[in-house]
Amino acid sequence: MSAEKLYDLTQLTAMMGDSEGVKMMLNIFLESTPKILNEINEGFATNDFDVLARSAHKLKSSLDMMKIDTLHTVIRQIDRIENVIANKDQLELIIEKINTTLNEVFIQLTNEKSVNNQV
């Protein structure tokens, strides 16, 4: 597991204002993001570029809110059908990067939640 956090809660904390609001948003993120990630993977596996693009577009704002900067550019490579088609040759690497990064974020958030009881 990476020692460096892949996310930054500064923006989320400033937006929500209190720890309860942050907890609520993080719980929503942990509940909804795996479902969207699954949609991205399904769209990739079935070559359904429309599903892939729509799902990536849904995920984009969450990644920005969580300041998951390593995916800032990556998610924008597949957030519209035109982008998916333009990056078709790189899709496997793009999807792998998204999966790897988000799985690490899920682990980090879960560990932070259990250790610090912050989430």
PDB file of N, CA and C in Angstrom:
ATOM      1  N   MET A   1       0.844  -1.187   0.000  1.00  0.00           N
ATOM      2  CA  MET A   1       0.000   0.000   0.000  1.00  0.00           C
ATOM      3  C   MET A   1       0.883   1.242   0.000  1.00  0.00           C
ATOM      4  N   SER A   2       0.485   2.207  -0.741  1.00  0.00           N
ATOM      5  CA  SER A   2       1.203   3.475  -0.854  1.00  0.00           C
ATOM      6  C   SER A   2       1.127   4.249   0.463  1.00  0.00           C
ATOM      7  N   ALA A   3       2.264   4.821   0.864  1.00  0.00           N
ATOM      8  CA  ALA A   3       2.295   5.626   2.090  1.00  0.00           C
ATOM      9  C   ALA A   3       1.668   6.996   1.851  1.00  0.00           C
ATOM     10  N   GLU A   4       1.765   7.477   0.641  1.00  0.00           N
ATOM     11  CA  GLU A   4       1.224   8.785   0.294  1.00  0.00           C
ATOM     12  C   GLU A   4      -0.257   8.672  -0.049  1.00  0.00           C
ATOM     13  N   LYS A   5      -1.052   9.561   0.550  1.00  0.00           N
ATOM     14  CA  LYS A   5      -2.482   9.570   0.243  1.00  0.00           C
ATOM     15  C   LYS A   5      -2.686   9.979  -1.207  1.00  0.00           C
ATOM     16  N   LEU A   6      -3.592   9.295  -1.861  1.00  0.00           N
ATOM     17  CA  LEU A   6      -3.910   9.592  -3.256  1.00  0.00           C
ATOM     18  C   LEU A   6      -5.047  10.593  -3.371  1.00  0.00           C
ATOM     19  N   TYR A   7      -5.546  11.059  -2.264  1.00  0.00           N
ATOM     20  CA  TYR A   7      -6.650  12.013  -2.235  1.00  0.00           C
ATOM     21  C   TYR A   7      -6.309  13.132  -1.257  1.00  0.00           C
ATOM     22  N   ASP A   8      -7.078  14.203  -1.342  1.00  0.00           N
ATOM     23  CA  ASP A   8      -6.888  15.345  -0.448  1.00  0.00           C
ATOM     24  C   ASP A   8      -8.273  15.866  -0.082  1.00  0.00           C
ATOM     25  N   LEU A   9      -8.573  15.885   1.193  1.00  0.00           N
ATOM     26  CA  LEU A   9      -9.910  16.271   1.655  1.00  0.00           C
ATOM     27  C   LEU A   9     -10.052  17.766   1.938  1.00  0.00           C
ATOM     28  N   THR A  10      -9.039  18.557   1.634  1.00  0.00           N
ATOM     29  CA  THR A  10      -9.069  19.993   1.929  1.00  0.00           C
ATOM     30  C   THR A  10     -10.272  20.677   1.279  1.00  0.00           C
ATOM     31  N   GLN A  11     -10.454  20.447  -0.002  1.00  0.00           N
ATOM     32  CA  GLN A  11     -11.562  21.081  -0.731  1.00  0.00           C
ATOM     33  C   GLN A  11     -12.909  20.601  -0.199  1.00  0.00           C
ATOM     34  N   LEU A  12     -13.015  19.315   0.048  1.00  0.00           N
ATOM     35  CA  LEU A  12     -14.254  18.751   0.567  1.00  0.00           C
ATOM     36  C   LEU A  12     -14.568  19.314   1.954  1.00  0.00           C
ATOM     37  N   THR A  13     -13.558  19.424   2.800  1.00  0.00           N
ATOM     38  CA  THR A  13     -13.740  19.971   4.146  1.00  0.00           C
ATOM     39  C   THR A  13     -14.181  21.432   4.083  1.00  0.00           C
ATOM     40  N   ALA A  14     -13.557  22.192   3.200  1.00  0.00           N
ATOM     41  CA  ALA A  14     -13.933  23.604   3.049  1.00  0.00           C
ATOM     42  C   ALA A  14     -15.370  23.732   2.545  1.00  0.00           C
ATOM     43  N   MET A  15     -15.764  22.852   1.652  1.00  0.00           N
ATOM     44  CA  MET A  15     -17.099  22.899   1.073  1.00  0.00           C
ATOM     45  C   MET A  15     -18.174  22.464   2.087  1.00  0.00           C
ATOM     46  N   MET A  16     -17.878  21.407   2.849  1.00  0.00           N
ATOM     47  CA  MET A  16     -18.874  20.848   3.762  1.00  0.00           C
ATOM     48  C   MET A  16     -18.897  21.562   5.115  1.00  0.00           C
ATOM     49  N   GLY A  17     -17.769  22.084   5.526  1.00  0.00           N
ATOM     50  CA  GLY A  17     -17.732  22.892   6.734  1.00  0.00           C
ATOM     51  C   GLY A  17     -17.625  22.157   8.052  1.00  0.00           C
ATOM     52  N   ASP A  18     -18.101  20.927   8.133  1.00  0.00           N
ATOM     53  CA  ASP A  18     -17.998  20.198   9.399  1.00  0.00           C
ATOM     54  C   ASP A  18     -17.667  18.736   9.144  1.00  0.00           C
ATOM     55  N   SER A  19     -17.244  18.073  10.209  1.00  0.00           N
ATOM     56  CA  SER A  19     -16.805  16.682  10.053  1.00  0.00           C
ATOM     57  C   SER A  19     -17.966  15.750   9.695  1.00  0.00           C
ATOM     58  N   GLU A  20     -19.158  16.057  10.151  1.00  0.00           N
ATOM     59  CA  GLU A  20     -20.312  15.211   9.814  1.00  0.00           C
ATOM     60  C   GLU A  20     -20.620  15.278   8.320  1.00  0.00           C
ATOM     61  N   GLY A  21     -20.525  16.458   7.754  1.00  0.00           N
ATOM     62  CA  GLY A  21     -20.741  16.616   6.317  1.00  0.00           C
ATOM     63  C   GLY A  21     -19.676  15.886   5.516  1.00  0.00           C
ATOM     64  N   VAL A  22     -18.438  15.972   5.960  1.00  0.00           N
ATOM     65  CA  VAL A  22     -17.336  15.265   5.293  1.00  0.00           C
ATOM     66  C   VAL A  22     -17.574  13.766   5.383  1.00  0.00           C
ATOM     67  N   LYS A  23     -17.939  13.278   6.564  1.00  0.00           N
ATOM     68  CA  LYS A  23     -18.223  11.843   6.739  1.00  0.00           C
ATOM     69  C   LYS A  23     -19.316  11.380   5.783  1.00  0.00           C
ATOM     70  N   MET A  24     -20.368  12.178   5.690  1.00  0.00           N
ATOM     71  CA  MET A  24     -21.474  11.824   4.817  1.00  0.00           C
ATOM     72  C   MET A  24     -21.010  11.728   3.354  1.00  0.00           C
ATOM     73  N   MET A  25     -20.247  12.728   2.911  1.00  0.00           N
ATOM     74  CA  MET A  25     -19.772  12.734   1.523  1.00  0.00           C
ATOM     75  C   MET A  25     -18.808  11.573   1.252  1.00  0.00           C
ATOM     76  N   LEU A  26     -17.954  11.263   2.201  1.00  0.00           N
ATOM     77  CA  LEU A  26     -17.024  10.151   2.021  1.00  0.00           C
ATOM     78  C   LEU A  26     -17.760   8.820   1.984  1.00  0.00           C
ATOM     79  N   ASN A  27     -18.786   8.685   2.800  1.00  0.00           N
ATOM     80  CA  ASN A  27     -19.588   7.468   2.758  1.00  0.00           C
ATOM     81  C   ASN A  27     -20.306   7.328   1.416  1.00  0.00           C
ATOM     82  N   ILE A  28     -20.814   8.434   0.897  1.00  0.00           N
ATOM     83  CA  ILE A  28     -21.450   8.411  -0.427  1.00  0.00           C
ATOM     84  C   ILE A  28     -20.423   8.018  -1.486  1.00  0.00           C
ATOM     85  N   PHE A  29     -19.231   8.603  -1.401  1.00  0.00           N
ATOM     86  CA  PHE A  29     -18.160   8.274  -2.339  1.00  0.00           C
ATOM     87  C   PHE A  29     -17.827   6.779  -2.283  1.00  0.00           C
ATOM     88  N   LEU A  30     -17.675   6.251  -1.080  1.00  0.00           N
ATOM     89  CA  LEU A  30     -17.318   4.836  -0.925  1.00  0.00           C
ATOM     90  C   LEU A  30     -18.437   3.896  -1.355  1.00  0.00           C
ATOM     91  N   GLU A  31     -19.662   4.370  -1.312  1.00  0.00           N
ATOM     92  CA  GLU A  31     -20.792   3.548  -1.725  1.00  0.00           C
ATOM     93  C   GLU A  31     -21.033   3.628  -3.238  1.00  0.00           C
ATOM     94  N   SER A  32     -20.951   4.827  -3.799  1.00  0.00           N
ATOM     95  CA  SER A  32     -21.323   5.005  -5.205  1.00  0.00           C
ATOM     96  C   SER A  32     -20.177   4.767  -6.193  1.00  0.00           C
ATOM     97  N   THR A  33     -18.973   5.098  -5.807  1.00  0.00           N
ATOM     98  CA  THR A  33     -17.852   5.008  -6.753  1.00  0.00           C
ATOM     99  C   THR A  33     -17.588   3.581  -7.235  1.00  0.00           C
ATOM    100  N   PRO A  34     -17.610   2.562  -6.372  1.00  0.00           N
ATOM    101  CA  PRO A  34     -17.408   1.205  -6.892  1.00  0.00           C
ATOM    102  C   PRO A  34     -18.453   0.798  -7.933  1.00  0.00           C
ATOM    103  N   LYS A  35     -19.671   1.284  -7.770  1.00  0.00           N
ATOM    104  CA  LYS A  35     -20.725   0.982  -8.747  1.00  0.00           C
ATOM    105  C   LYS A  35     -20.414   1.640 -10.092  1.00  0.00           C
ATOM    106  N   ILE A  36     -19.979   2.878 -10.048  1.00  0.00           N
ATOM    107  CA  ILE A  36     -19.630   3.590 -11.291  1.00  0.00           C
ATOM    108  C   ILE A  36     -18.403   2.948 -11.923  1.00  0.00           C
ATOM    109  N   LEU A  37     -17.441   2.562 -11.106  1.00  0.00           N
ATOM    110  CA  LEU A  37     -16.249   1.886 -11.608  1.00  0.00           C
ATOM    111  C   LEU A  37     -16.630   0.578 -12.296  1.00  0.00           C
ATOM    112  N   ASN A  38     -17.579  -0.132 -11.726  1.00  0.00           N
ATOM    113  CA  ASN A  38     -18.063  -1.358 -12.345  1.00  0.00           C
ATOM    114  C   ASN A  38     -18.698  -1.071 -13.710  1.00  0.00           C
ATOM    115  N   GLU A  39     -19.454   0.018 -13.807  1.00  0.00           N
ATOM    116  CA  GLU A  39     -20.053   0.412 -15.090  1.00  0.00           C
ATOM    117  C   GLU A  39     -18.970   0.716 -16.128  1.00  0.00           C
ATOM    118  N   ILE A  40     -17.915   1.394 -15.700  1.00  0.00           N
ATOM    119  CA  ILE A  40     -16.797   1.689 -16.604  1.00  0.00           C
ATOM    120  C   ILE A  40     -16.180   0.386 -17.102  1.00  0.00           C
ATOM    121  N   ASN A  41     -15.938  -0.541 -16.186  1.00  0.00           N
ATOM    122  CA  ASN A  41     -15.342  -1.822 -16.561  1.00  0.00           C
ATOM    123  C   ASN A  41     -16.249  -2.624 -17.485  1.00  0.00           C
ATOM    124  N   GLU A  42     -17.549  -2.584 -17.214  1.00  0.00           N
ATOM    125  CA  GLU A  42     -18.509  -3.289 -18.076  1.00  0.00           C
ATOM    126  C   GLU A  42     -18.529  -2.672 -19.479  1.00  0.00           C
ATOM    127  N   GLY A  43     -18.542  -1.344 -19.525  1.00  0.00           N
ATOM    128  CA  GLY A  43     -18.525  -0.666 -20.823  1.00  0.00           C
ATOM    129  C   GLY A  43     -17.277  -0.997 -21.611  1.00  0.00           C
ATOM    130  N   PHE A  44     -16.145  -1.056 -20.931  1.00  0.00           N
ATOM    131  CA  PHE A  44     -14.888  -1.421 -21.590  1.00  0.00           C
ATOM    132  C   PHE A  44     -14.932  -2.870 -22.070  1.00  0.00           C
ATOM    133  N   ALA A  45     -15.383  -3.778 -21.206  1.00  0.00           N
ATOM    134  CA  ALA A  45     -15.401  -5.203 -21.536  1.00  0.00           C
ATOM    135  C   ALA A  45     -16.312  -5.525 -22.718  1.00  0.00           C
ATOM    136  N   THR A  46     -17.386  -4.755 -22.851  1.00  0.00           N
ATOM    137  CA  THR A  46     -18.360  -5.024 -23.916  1.00  0.00           C
ATOM    138  C   THR A  46     -18.214  -4.068 -25.107  1.00  0.00           C
ATOM    139  N   ASN A  47     -17.173  -3.221 -25.060  1.00  0.00           N
ATOM    140  CA  ASN A  47     -16.967  -2.210 -26.099  1.00  0.00           C
ATOM    141  C   ASN A  47     -18.162  -1.278 -26.251  1.00  0.00           C
ATOM    142  N   ASP A  48     -18.842  -1.035 -25.155  1.00  0.00           N
ATOM    143  CA  ASP A  48     -19.962  -0.098 -25.151  1.00  0.00           C
ATOM    144  C   ASP A  48     -19.404   1.271 -24.748  1.00  0.00           C
ATOM    145  N   PHE A  49     -18.924   2.005 -25.746  1.00  0.00           N
ATOM    146  CA  PHE A  49     -18.245   3.267 -25.494  1.00  0.00           C
ATOM    147  C   PHE A  49     -19.171   4.321 -24.916  1.00  0.00           C
ATOM    148  N   ASP A  50     -20.452   4.225 -25.213  1.00  0.00           N
ATOM    149  CA  ASP A  50     -21.412   5.169 -24.659  1.00  0.00           C
ATOM    150  C   ASP A  50     -21.516   4.992 -23.144  1.00  0.00           C
ATOM    151  N   VAL A  51     -21.652   3.766 -22.687  1.00  0.00           N
ATOM    152  CA  VAL A  51     -21.709   3.481 -21.245  1.00  0.00           C
ATOM    153  C   VAL A  51     -20.402   3.887 -20.587  1.00  0.00           C
ATOM    154  N   LEU A  52     -19.306   3.568 -21.223  1.00  0.00           N
ATOM    155  CA  LEU A  52     -17.988   3.917 -20.703  1.00  0.00           C
ATOM    156  C   LEU A  52     -17.864   5.429 -20.509  1.00  0.00           C
ATOM    157  N   ALA A  53     -18.218   6.187 -21.523  1.00  0.00           N
ATOM    158  CA  ALA A  53     -18.109   7.646 -21.460  1.00  0.00           C
ATOM    159  C   ALA A  53     -19.055   8.245 -20.425  1.00  0.00           C
ATOM    160  N   ARG A  54     -20.311   7.775 -20.403  1.00  0.00           N
ATOM    161  CA  ARG A  54     -21.277   8.307 -19.431  1.00  0.00           C
ATOM    162  C   ARG A  54     -20.845   8.018 -17.991  1.00  0.00           C
ATOM    163  N   SER A  55     -20.336   6.832 -17.780  1.00  0.00           N
ATOM    164  CA  SER A  55     -19.892   6.458 -16.431  1.00  0.00           C
ATOM    165  C   SER A  55     -18.670   7.263 -16.018  1.00  0.00           C
ATOM    166  N   ALA A  56     -17.733   7.442 -16.925  1.00  0.00           N
ATOM    167  CA  ALA A  56     -16.539   8.247 -16.624  1.00  0.00           C
ATOM    168  C   ALA A  56     -16.940   9.689 -16.337  1.00  0.00           C
ATOM    169  N   HIS A  57     -17.893  10.195 -17.087  1.00  0.00           N
ATOM    170  CA  HIS A  57     -18.370  11.566 -16.866  1.00  0.00           C
ATOM    171  C   HIS A  57     -18.976  11.705 -15.460  1.00  0.00           C
ATOM    172  N   LYS A  58     -19.756  10.697 -15.027  1.00  0.00           N
ATOM    173  CA  LYS A  58     -20.341  10.715 -13.686  1.00  0.00           C
ATOM    174  C   LYS A  58     -19.258  10.720 -12.610  1.00  0.00           C
ATOM    175  N   LEU A  59     -18.187  10.007 -12.866  1.00  0.00           N
ATOM    176  CA  LEU A  59     -17.117   9.853 -11.880  1.00  0.00           C
ATOM    177  C   LEU A  59     -16.224  11.084 -11.772  1.00  0.00           C
ATOM    178  N   LYS A  60     -16.151  11.854 -12.840  1.00  0.00           N
ATOM    179  CA  LYS A  60     -15.222  12.990 -12.921  1.00  0.00           C
ATOM    180  C   LYS A  60     -15.375  13.975 -11.762  1.00  0.00           C
ATOM    181  N   SER A  61     -16.577  14.373 -11.430  1.00  0.00           N
ATOM    182  CA  SER A  61     -16.759  15.367 -10.370  1.00  0.00           C
ATOM    183  C   SER A  61     -16.358  14.821  -8.998  1.00  0.00           C
ATOM    184  N   SER A  62     -16.597  13.550  -8.764  1.00  0.00           N
ATOM    185  CA  SER A  62     -16.179  12.941  -7.496  1.00  0.00           C
ATOM    186  C   SER A  62     -14.665  12.920  -7.367  1.00  0.00           C
ATOM    187  N   LEU A  63     -13.995  12.591  -8.456  1.00  0.00           N
ATOM    188  CA  LEU A  63     -12.530  12.569  -8.437  1.00  0.00           C
ATOM    189  C   LEU A  63     -11.982  13.969  -8.195  1.00  0.00           C
ATOM    190  N   ASP A  64     -12.607  14.960  -8.805  1.00  0.00           N
ATOM    191  CA  ASP A  64     -12.172  16.342  -8.601  1.00  0.00           C
ATOM    192  C   ASP A  64     -12.433  16.787  -7.161  1.00  0.00           C
ATOM    193  N   MET A  65     -13.587  16.445  -6.616  1.00  0.00           N
ATOM    194  CA  MET A  65     -13.930  16.825  -5.259  1.00  0.00           C
ATOM    195  C   MET A  65     -12.957  16.198  -4.252  1.00  0.00           C
ATOM    196  N   MET A  66     -12.545  14.967  -4.524  1.00  0.00           N
ATOM    197  CA  MET A  66     -11.628  14.251  -3.634  1.00  0.00           C
ATOM    198  C   MET A  66     -10.165  14.583  -3.934  1.00  0.00           C
ATOM    199  N   LYS A  67      -9.957  15.433  -4.936  1.00  0.00           N
ATOM    200  CA  LYS A  67      -8.604  15.839  -5.343  1.00  0.00           C
ATOM    201  C   LYS A  67      -7.712  14.618  -5.616  1.00  0.00           C
ATOM    202  N   ILE A  68      -8.256  13.663  -6.376  1.00  0.00           N
ATOM    203  CA  ILE A  68      -7.478  12.498  -6.788  1.00  0.00           C
ATOM    204  C   ILE A  68      -6.774  12.919  -8.076  1.00  0.00           C
ATOM    205  N   ASP A  69      -5.706  13.672  -7.875  1.00  0.00           N
ATOM    206  CA  ASP A  69      -5.033  14.348  -8.986  1.00  0.00           C
ATOM    207  C   ASP A  69      -4.415  13.401 -10.005  1.00  0.00           C
ATOM    208  N   THR A  70      -4.032  12.210  -9.588  1.00  0.00           N
ATOM    209  CA  THR A  70      -3.430  11.267 -10.533  1.00  0.00           C
ATOM    210  C   THR A  70      -4.420  10.810 -11.595  1.00  0.00           C
ATOM    211  N   LEU A  71      -5.706  11.038 -11.366  1.00  0.00           N
ATOM    212  CA  LEU A  71      -6.722  10.660 -12.355  1.00  0.00           C
ATOM    213  C   LEU A  71      -7.356  11.863 -13.051  1.00  0.00           C
ATOM    214  N   HIS A  72      -6.886  13.058 -12.732  1.00  0.00           N
ATOM    215  CA  HIS A  72      -7.482  14.267 -13.313  1.00  0.00           C
ATOM    216  C   HIS A  72      -7.486  14.212 -14.843  1.00  0.00           C
ATOM    217  N   THR A  73      -6.349  13.983 -15.433  1.00  0.00           N
ATOM    218  CA  THR A  73      -6.235  13.928 -16.894  1.00  0.00           C
ATOM    219  C   THR A  73      -6.791  12.621 -17.441  1.00  0.00           C
ATOM    220  N   VAL A  74      -6.532  11.538 -16.731  1.00  0.00           N
ATOM    221  CA  VAL A  74      -6.925  10.202 -17.194  1.00  0.00           C
ATOM    222  C   VAL A  74      -8.437  10.105 -17.401  1.00  0.00           C
ATOM    223  N   ILE A  75      -9.221  10.566 -16.428  1.00  0.00           N
ATOM    224  CA  ILE A  75     -10.677  10.444 -16.538  1.00  0.00           C
ATOM    225  C   ILE A  75     -11.209  11.287 -17.694  1.00  0.00           C
ATOM    226  N   ARG A  76     -10.538  12.376 -17.993  1.00  0.00           N
ATOM    227  CA  ARG A  76     -10.963  13.236 -19.093  1.00  0.00           C
ATOM    228  C   ARG A  76     -10.641  12.632 -20.467  1.00  0.00           C
ATOM    229  N   GLN A  77      -9.834  11.610 -20.485  1.00  0.00           N
ATOM    230  CA  GLN A  77      -9.545  10.909 -21.738  1.00  0.00           C
ATOM    231  C   GLN A  77     -10.707  10.013 -22.161  1.00  0.00           C
ATOM    232  N   ILE A  78     -11.636   9.766 -21.223  1.00  0.00           N
ATOM    233  CA  ILE A  78     -12.756   8.874 -21.540  1.00  0.00           C
ATOM    234  C   ILE A  78     -14.105   9.428 -21.083  1.00  0.00           C
ATOM    235  N   ASP A  79     -14.194  10.714 -20.782  1.00  0.00           N
ATOM    236  CA  ASP A  79     -15.432  11.263 -20.225  1.00  0.00           C
ATOM    237  C   ASP A  79     -16.470  11.661 -21.270  1.00  0.00           C
ATOM    238  N   ARG A  80     -16.107  11.563 -22.532  1.00  0.00           N
ATOM    239  CA  ARG A  80     -17.042  11.808 -23.631  1.00  0.00           C
ATOM    240  C   ARG A  80     -16.774  10.776 -24.718  1.00  0.00           C
ATOM    241  N   ILE A  81     -17.796  10.457 -25.460  1.00  0.00           N
ATOM    242  CA  ILE A  81     -17.660   9.421 -26.492  1.00  0.00           C
ATOM    243  C   ILE A  81     -16.534   9.763 -27.475  1.00  0.00           C
ATOM    244  N   GLU A  82     -16.396  11.049 -27.818  1.00  0.00           N
ATOM    245  CA  GLU A  82     -15.338  11.452 -28.750  1.00  0.00           C
ATOM    246  C   GLU A  82     -13.958  11.157 -28.144  1.00  0.00           C
ATOM    247  N   ASN A  83     -13.838  11.369 -26.829  1.00  0.00           N
ATOM    248  CA  ASN A  83     -12.567  11.110 -26.152  1.00  0.00           C
ATOM    249  C   ASN A  83     -12.266   9.618 -26.099  1.00  0.00           C
ATOM    250  N   VAL A  84     -13.293   8.816 -25.853  1.00  0.00           N
ATOM    251  CA  VAL A  84     -13.109   7.360 -25.818  1.00  0.00           C
ATOM    252  C   VAL A  84     -12.594   6.886 -27.173  1.00  0.00           C
ATOM    253  N   ILE A  85     -13.230   7.346 -28.240  1.00  0.00           N
ATOM    254  CA  ILE A  85     -12.836   6.936 -29.596  1.00  0.00           C
ATOM    255  C   ILE A  85     -11.424   7.419 -29.909  1.00  0.00           C
ATOM    256  N   ALA A  86     -11.119   8.644 -29.544  1.00  0.00           N
ATOM    257  CA  ALA A  86      -9.785   9.196 -29.806  1.00  0.00           C
ATOM    258  C   ALA A  86      -8.699   8.451 -29.040  1.00  0.00           C
ATOM    259  N   ASN A  87      -9.034   7.891 -27.888  1.00  0.00           N
ATOM    260  CA  ASN A  87      -8.060   7.191 -27.037  1.00  0.00           C
ATOM    261  C   ASN A  87      -8.263   5.679 -27.043  1.00  0.00           C
ATOM    262  N   LYS A  88      -8.925   5.181 -28.079  1.00  0.00           N
ATOM    263  CA  LYS A  88      -9.282   3.761 -28.159  1.00  0.00           C
ATOM    264  C   LYS A  88      -8.074   2.841 -27.982  1.00  0.00           C
ATOM    265  N   ASP A  89      -6.949   3.203 -28.551  1.00  0.00           N
ATOM    266  CA  ASP A  89      -5.752   2.359 -28.469  1.00  0.00           C
ATOM    267  C   ASP A  89      -5.160   2.322 -27.065  1.00  0.00           C
ATOM    268  N   GLN A  90      -5.519   3.279 -26.229  1.00  0.00           N
ATOM    269  CA  GLN A  90      -4.976   3.356 -24.870  1.00  0.00           C
ATOM    270  C   GLN A  90      -5.991   2.957 -23.801  1.00  0.00           C
ATOM    271  N   LEU A  91      -7.162   2.507 -24.213  1.00  0.00           N
ATOM    272  CA  LEU A  91      -8.237   2.251 -23.248  1.00  0.00           C
ATOM    273  C   LEU A  91      -7.841   1.260 -22.156  1.00  0.00           C
ATOM    274  N   GLU A  92      -7.181   0.194 -22.531  1.00  0.00           N
ATOM    275  CA  GLU A  92      -6.822  -0.812 -21.526  1.00  0.00           C
ATOM    276  C   GLU A  92      -5.948  -0.204 -20.429  1.00  0.00           C
ATOM    277  N   LEU A  93      -4.962   0.587 -20.821  1.00  0.00           N
ATOM    278  CA  LEU A  93      -4.084   1.234 -19.835  1.00  0.00           C
ATOM    279  C   LEU A  93      -4.831   2.266 -19.007  1.00  0.00           C
ATOM    280  N   ILE A  94      -5.726   3.005 -19.635  1.00  0.00           N
ATOM    281  CA  ILE A  94      -6.521   4.017 -18.939  1.00  0.00           C
ATOM    282  C   ILE A  94      -7.412   3.359 -17.889  1.00  0.00           C
ATOM    283  N   ILE A  95      -8.107   2.307 -18.280  1.00  0.00           N
ATOM    284  CA  ILE A  95      -9.012   1.605 -17.367  1.00  0.00           C
ATOM    285  C   ILE A  95      -8.214   0.971 -16.227  1.00  0.00           C
ATOM    286  N   GLU A  96      -7.065   0.408 -16.552  1.00  0.00           N
ATOM    287  CA  GLU A  96      -6.215  -0.198 -15.519  1.00  0.00           C
ATOM    288  C   GLU A  96      -5.756   0.848 -14.502  1.00  0.00           C
ATOM    289  N   LYS A  97      -5.366   2.025 -14.982  1.00  0.00           N
ATOM    290  CA  LYS A  97      -4.923   3.115 -14.092  1.00  0.00           C
ATOM    291  C   LYS A  97      -6.059   3.561 -13.171  1.00  0.00           C
ATOM    292  N   ILE A  98      -7.251   3.693 -13.721  1.00  0.00           N
ATOM    293  CA  ILE A  98      -8.409   4.100 -12.923  1.00  0.00           C
ATOM    294  C   ILE A  98      -8.710   3.051 -11.855  1.00  0.00           C
ATOM    295  N   ASN A  99      -8.734   1.783 -12.248  1.00  0.00           N
ATOM    296  CA  ASN A  99      -9.011   0.709 -11.300  1.00  0.00           C
ATOM    297  C   ASN A  99      -7.966   0.638 -10.193  1.00  0.00           C
ATOM    298  N   THR A 100      -6.708   0.654 -10.571  1.00  0.00           N
ATOM    299  CA  THR A 100      -5.621   0.553  -9.603  1.00  0.00           C
ATOM    300  C   THR A 100      -5.654   1.713  -8.615  1.00  0.00           C
ATOM    301  N   THR A 101      -5.801   2.912  -9.139  1.00  0.00           N
ATOM    302  CA  THR A 101      -5.800   4.102  -8.284  1.00  0.00           C
ATOM    303  C   THR A 101      -7.003   4.102  -7.349  1.00  0.00           C
ATOM    304  N   LEU A 102      -8.184   3.852  -7.886  1.00  0.00           N
ATOM    305  CA  LEU A 102      -9.377   3.896  -7.037  1.00  0.00           C
ATOM    306  C   LEU A 102      -9.385   2.772  -6.004  1.00  0.00           C
ATOM    307  N   ASN A 103      -8.899   1.612  -6.357  1.00  0.00           N
ATOM    308  CA  ASN A 103      -8.827   0.537  -5.368  1.00  0.00           C
ATOM    309  C   ASN A 103      -7.901   0.923  -4.217  1.00  0.00           C
ATOM    310  N   GLU A 104      -6.806   1.601  -4.528  1.00  0.00           N
ATOM    311  CA  GLU A 104      -5.902   2.090  -3.483  1.00  0.00           C
ATOM    312  C   GLU A 104      -6.576   3.179  -2.653  1.00  0.00           C
ATOM    313  N   VAL A 105      -7.310   4.069  -3.297  1.00  0.00           N
ATOM    314  CA  VAL A 105      -8.046   5.114  -2.567  1.00  0.00           C
ATOM    315  C   VAL A 105      -9.063   4.471  -1.618  1.00  0.00           C
ATOM    316  N   PHE A 106      -9.786   3.457  -2.087  1.00  0.00           N
ATOM    317  CA  PHE A 106     -10.762   2.774  -1.234  1.00  0.00           C
ATOM    318  C   PHE A 106     -10.073   2.190   0.003  1.00  0.00           C
ATOM    319  N   ILE A 107      -8.917   1.570  -0.185  1.00  0.00           N
ATOM    320  CA  ILE A 107      -8.158   0.998   0.933  1.00  0.00           C
ATOM    321  C   ILE A 107      -7.728   2.098   1.894  1.00  0.00           C
ATOM    322  N   GLN A 108      -7.182   3.174   1.341  1.00  0.00           N
ATOM    323  CA  GLN A 108      -6.717   4.276   2.188  1.00  0.00           C
ATOM    324  C   GLN A 108      -7.857   4.885   2.991  1.00  0.00           C
ATOM    325  N   LEU A 109      -8.986   5.134   2.344  1.00  0.00           N
ATOM    326  CA  LEU A 109     -10.134   5.723   3.042  1.00  0.00           C
ATOM    327  C   LEU A 109     -10.683   4.785   4.108  1.00  0.00           C
ATOM    328  N   THR A 110     -10.740   3.511   3.802  1.00  0.00           N
ATOM    329  CA  THR A 110     -11.232   2.528   4.760  1.00  0.00           C
ATOM    330  C   THR A 110     -10.293   2.438   5.956  1.00  0.00           C
ATOM    331  N   ASN A 111      -8.995   2.440   5.699  1.00  0.00           N
ATOM    332  CA  ASN A 111      -8.025   2.414   6.800  1.00  0.00           C
ATOM    333  C   ASN A 111      -8.110   3.674   7.637  1.00  0.00           C
ATOM    334  N   GLU A 112      -8.254   4.808   6.993  1.00  0.00           N
ATOM    335  CA  GLU A 112      -8.389   6.071   7.726  1.00  0.00           C
ATOM    336  C   GLU A 112      -9.649   6.043   8.583  1.00  0.00           C
ATOM    337  N   LYS A 113     -10.693   5.495   8.014  1.00  0.00           N
ATOM    338  CA  LYS A 113     -11.960   5.408   8.734  1.00  0.00           C
ATOM    339  C   LYS A 113     -11.824   4.522   9.964  1.00  0.00           C
ATOM    340  N   SER A 114     -11.182   3.375   9.824  1.00  0.00           N
ATOM    341  CA  SER A 114     -11.091   2.448  10.953  1.00  0.00           C
ATOM    342  C   SER A 114     -10.072   2.917  11.988  1.00  0.00           C
ATOM    343  N   VAL A 115      -8.973   3.530  11.532  1.00  0.00           N
ATOM    344  CA  VAL A 115      -7.932   3.981  12.457  1.00  0.00           C
ATOM    345  C   VAL A 115      -8.354   5.248  13.171  1.00  0.00           C
ATOM    346  N   ASN A 116      -8.844   6.221  12.414  1.00  0.00           N
ATOM    347  CA  ASN A 116      -9.144   7.536  12.975  1.00  0.00           C
ATOM    348  C   ASN A 116     -10.618   7.765  13.278  1.00  0.00           C
ATOM    349  N   ASN A 117     -11.455   6.855  12.804  1.00  0.00           N
ATOM    350  CA  ASN A 117     -12.901   7.005  12.947  1.00  0.00           C
ATOM    351  C   ASN A 117     -13.354   8.372  12.436  1.00  0.00           C
ATOM    352  N   GLN A 118     -12.709   8.835  11.354  1.00  0.00           N
ATOM    353  CA  GLN A 118     -13.014  10.154  10.795  1.00  0.00           C
ATOM    354  C   GLN A 118     -14.073  10.086   9.720  1.00  0.00           C
ATOM    355  N   VAL A 119     -14.173   8.979   9.048  1.00  0.00           N
ATOM    356  CA  VAL A 119     -15.051   8.895   7.895  1.00  0.00           C
ATOM    357  C   VAL A 119     -16.388   8.349   8.310  1.00  0.00           C
TER     358      VAL A 119
END
